[in-house]
Amino acid sequence: MSSDNVTPFRRPPPKPVRPQQSGGMGLKTHRGRAVLVHILTLACFALPFLIGGGQLVQLIGLALGIAAAVIAYTSRAEATPWAATHHEQALRTLLIAFAVTTVLSLPALVIPRSAVTVLSYYALVVFWGNIVVLIWAGIRALVGLALAVMRRPVFNAKGWLV
């Protein structure tokens, strides 16, 4: 009798099989969620500049950003490895861009309204800072969108650059 304790009647329990995803861009597929997150990320920054900087448009942009963050955060645990990199990159893009635009707008609370020359220079700094954030977030979202359509992972999802 052998000592390896192998019983021919005992079999290992079957491993659960994940259902195969069909192709397409639906919200149930990993590719569809990754593409949607990048489109919402791009729209939340581009909308206020394309339509105008009204408060309603900025609130719509904020709502699109929150929707992108919620979809990315809830989908990254169950996503495939390549899709998880897209969700991570979209979350980092949204958080970094919102943090930078918030820091840019904070001195407006301190500068008195009577300092017209300081406000005019400050308005230029805020405008060009927001343009730089728009370009940075737009490039990251467009590169992520192109890679998501091709089902390729983002190269450096936790980095600051593309």
Protein backbone atom coordinates (compact mmCIF):
# COMPACT_ATOMS: atom_id res chain seq x y z
CA MET A 1 0.00 0.00 0.00
CA SER A 2 1.35 3.42 -0.86
CA SER A 3 1.81 6.09 1.75
CA ASP A 4 0.74 9.12 -0.29
CA ASN A 5 -2.87 8.90 0.95
CA VAL A 6 -4.50 9.14 -2.46
CA THR A 7 -8.02 7.84 -2.53
CA PRO A 8 -9.41 7.17 -5.97
CA PHE A 9 -12.92 8.09 -4.86
CA ARG A 10 -12.10 11.54 -3.47
CA ARG A 11 -11.98 14.31 -6.02
CA PRO A 12 -11.17 17.97 -5.47
CA PRO A 13 -14.17 20.28 -5.44
CA PRO A 14 -14.87 21.89 -8.81
CA LYS A 15 -13.67 25.43 -9.31
CA PRO A 16 -16.37 27.97 -10.11
CA VAL A 17 -16.31 29.03 -13.73
CA ARG A 18 -16.78 32.70 -14.51
CA PRO A 19 -19.23 33.27 -17.32
CA GLN A 20 -17.59 34.35 -20.54
CA GLN A 21 -18.31 37.94 -21.47
CA SER A 22 -19.61 38.60 -24.89
CA GLY A 23 -17.97 41.28 -26.99
CA GLY A 24 -19.35 44.74 -27.22
CA MET A 25 -19.48 47.97 -25.32
CA GLY A 26 -22.33 47.23 -22.92
CA LEU A 27 -22.15 48.31 -19.31
CA LYS A 28 -21.94 44.66 -18.24
CA THR A 29 -18.59 44.13 -19.99
CA HIS A 30 -15.22 45.21 -18.63
CA ARG A 31 -14.45 47.08 -21.81
CA GLY A 32 -17.77 48.94 -21.70
CA ARG A 33 -17.21 50.12 -18.14
CA ALA A 34 -13.63 51.20 -18.84
CA VAL A 35 -14.71 53.15 -21.94
CA LEU A 36 -17.62 54.75 -20.07
CA VAL A 37 -15.38 55.84 -17.20
CA HIS A 38 -12.94 57.52 -19.58
CA ILE A 39 -15.74 59.22 -21.53
CA LEU A 40 -17.27 60.57 -18.31
CA THR A 41 -13.85 61.72 -17.10
CA LEU A 42 -13.25 63.55 -20.36
CA ALA A 43 -16.73 65.08 -20.34
CA CYS A 44 -16.54 66.35 -16.76
CA PHE A 45 -13.53 68.52 -17.59
CA ALA A 46 -14.35 69.47 -21.18
CA LEU A 47 -18.01 70.41 -20.66
CA PRO A 48 -17.45 73.66 -18.72
CA PHE A 49 -14.92 74.86 -21.31
CA LEU A 50 -16.94 73.89 -24.37
CA ILE A 51 -20.31 75.22 -23.25
CA GLY A 52 -19.28 77.94 -20.86
CA GLY A 53 -18.38 78.39 -17.24
CA GLY A 54 -21.84 78.87 -15.79
CA GLN A 55 -22.62 77.41 -12.41
CA LEU A 56 -25.16 74.95 -13.79
CA VAL A 57 -22.65 73.61 -16.33
CA GLN A 58 -20.01 73.29 -13.61
CA LEU A 59 -22.47 71.34 -11.45
CA ILE A 60 -23.21 69.03 -14.38
CA GLY A 61 -19.46 68.54 -14.86
CA LEU A 62 -19.10 67.76 -11.15
CA ALA A 63 -21.97 65.25 -11.37
CA LEU A 64 -20.29 63.56 -14.35
CA GLY A 65 -17.03 63.37 -12.40
CA ILE A 66 -18.77 61.85 -9.38
CA ALA A 67 -20.52 59.32 -11.65
CA ALA A 68 -17.18 58.37 -13.22
CA ALA A 69 -15.58 57.99 -9.79
CA VAL A 70 -18.44 55.82 -8.51
CA ILE A 71 -18.38 53.54 -11.56
CA ALA A 72 -14.58 53.23 -11.46
CA TYR A 73 -14.45 52.60 -7.71
CA THR A 74 -17.18 49.97 -7.67
CA SER A 75 -15.91 48.17 -10.78
CA ARG A 76 -12.22 47.86 -10.03
CA ALA A 77 -12.50 44.95 -7.57
CA GLU A 78 -14.24 42.58 -9.99
CA ALA A 79 -12.54 43.81 -13.15
CA THR A 80 -9.99 41.96 -15.19
CA PRO A 81 -6.39 43.10 -14.65
CA TRP A 82 -6.29 45.30 -17.75
CA ALA A 83 -9.63 46.96 -16.87
CA ALA A 84 -8.54 47.51 -13.26
CA THR A 85 -5.65 49.66 -14.52
CA HIS A 86 -8.14 51.84 -16.40
CA HIS A 87 -10.32 52.30 -13.32
CA GLU A 88 -7.27 53.15 -11.22
CA GLN A 89 -6.05 55.71 -13.77
CA ALA A 90 -9.49 57.33 -14.06
CA LEU A 91 -9.83 57.61 -10.27
CA ARG A 92 -6.38 59.15 -9.92
CA THR A 93 -7.04 61.57 -12.78
CA LEU A 94 -10.29 62.74 -11.21
CA LEU A 95 -8.89 63.09 -7.70
CA ILE A 96 -5.69 64.87 -8.70
CA ALA A 97 -7.46 67.26 -11.07
CA PHE A 98 -10.17 68.15 -8.56
CA ALA A 99 -7.54 68.68 -5.86
CA VAL A 100 -5.49 71.00 -8.10
CA THR A 101 -8.52 73.05 -9.18
CA THR A 102 -9.64 73.33 -5.54
CA VAL A 103 -6.20 74.55 -4.44
CA LEU A 104 -6.22 77.05 -7.32
CA SER A 105 -9.57 78.47 -6.23
CA LEU A 106 -8.85 78.70 -2.48
CA PRO A 107 -7.06 82.10 -2.51
CA ALA A 108 -10.26 83.67 -3.86
CA LEU A 109 -11.66 83.32 -0.35
CA VAL A 110 -8.78 85.37 1.13
CA ILE A 111 -8.20 88.12 -1.44
CA PRO A 112 -10.43 91.14 -0.72
CA ARG A 113 -12.68 92.41 -3.49
CA SER A 114 -11.10 95.86 -3.27
CA ALA A 115 -7.75 94.60 -4.60
CA VAL A 116 -8.66 94.82 -8.29
CA THR A 117 -5.13 94.41 -9.69
CA VAL A 118 -4.43 91.39 -7.49
CA LEU A 119 -7.74 89.84 -8.53
CA SER A 120 -7.03 90.36 -12.22
CA TYR A 121 -3.64 88.64 -11.97
CA TYR A 122 -5.13 85.92 -9.81
CA ALA A 123 -7.92 85.36 -12.36
CA LEU A 124 -5.28 84.83 -15.04
CA VAL A 125 -3.44 82.30 -12.88
CA VAL A 126 -6.68 80.42 -12.18
CA PHE A 127 -7.69 80.47 -15.85
CA TRP A 128 -4.38 79.17 -17.15
CA GLY A 129 -4.12 76.67 -14.29
CA ASN A 130 -7.53 75.29 -15.23
CA ILE A 131 -6.45 75.13 -18.89
CA VAL A 132 -3.37 73.10 -17.90
CA VAL A 133 -5.53 70.76 -15.79
CA LEU A 134 -7.97 70.39 -18.69
CA ILE A 135 -5.18 69.49 -21.12
CA TRP A 136 -3.56 67.09 -18.65
CA ALA A 137 -6.82 65.31 -17.78
CA GLY A 138 -7.91 65.30 -21.43
CA ILE A 139 -4.72 63.64 -22.62
CA ARG A 140 -4.91 61.03 -19.85
CA ALA A 141 -8.57 60.31 -20.59
CA LEU A 142 -8.04 60.12 -24.37
CA VAL A 143 -5.07 57.77 -24.06
CA GLY A 144 -7.01 55.65 -21.58
CA LEU A 145 -10.04 55.64 -23.90
CA ALA A 146 -7.96 54.48 -26.86
CA LEU A 147 -6.33 51.74 -24.79
CA ALA A 148 -9.69 50.63 -23.34
CA VAL A 149 -11.20 50.25 -26.80
CA MET A 150 -8.24 48.02 -27.75
CA ARG A 151 -8.47 46.12 -24.40
CA ARG A 152 -4.91 47.02 -23.48
CA PRO A 153 -3.81 47.96 -19.94
CA VAL A 154 -2.69 51.44 -19.00
CA PHE A 155 1.10 51.44 -18.79
CA ASN A 156 1.52 53.38 -15.54
CA ALA A 157 -1.88 53.70 -13.90
CA LYS A 158 -0.51 55.12 -10.65
CA GLY A 159 1.76 57.66 -12.32
CA TRP A 160 1.14 61.34 -12.91
CA LEU A 161 1.81 61.27 -16.63
CA VAL A 162 0.14 59.30 -19.39
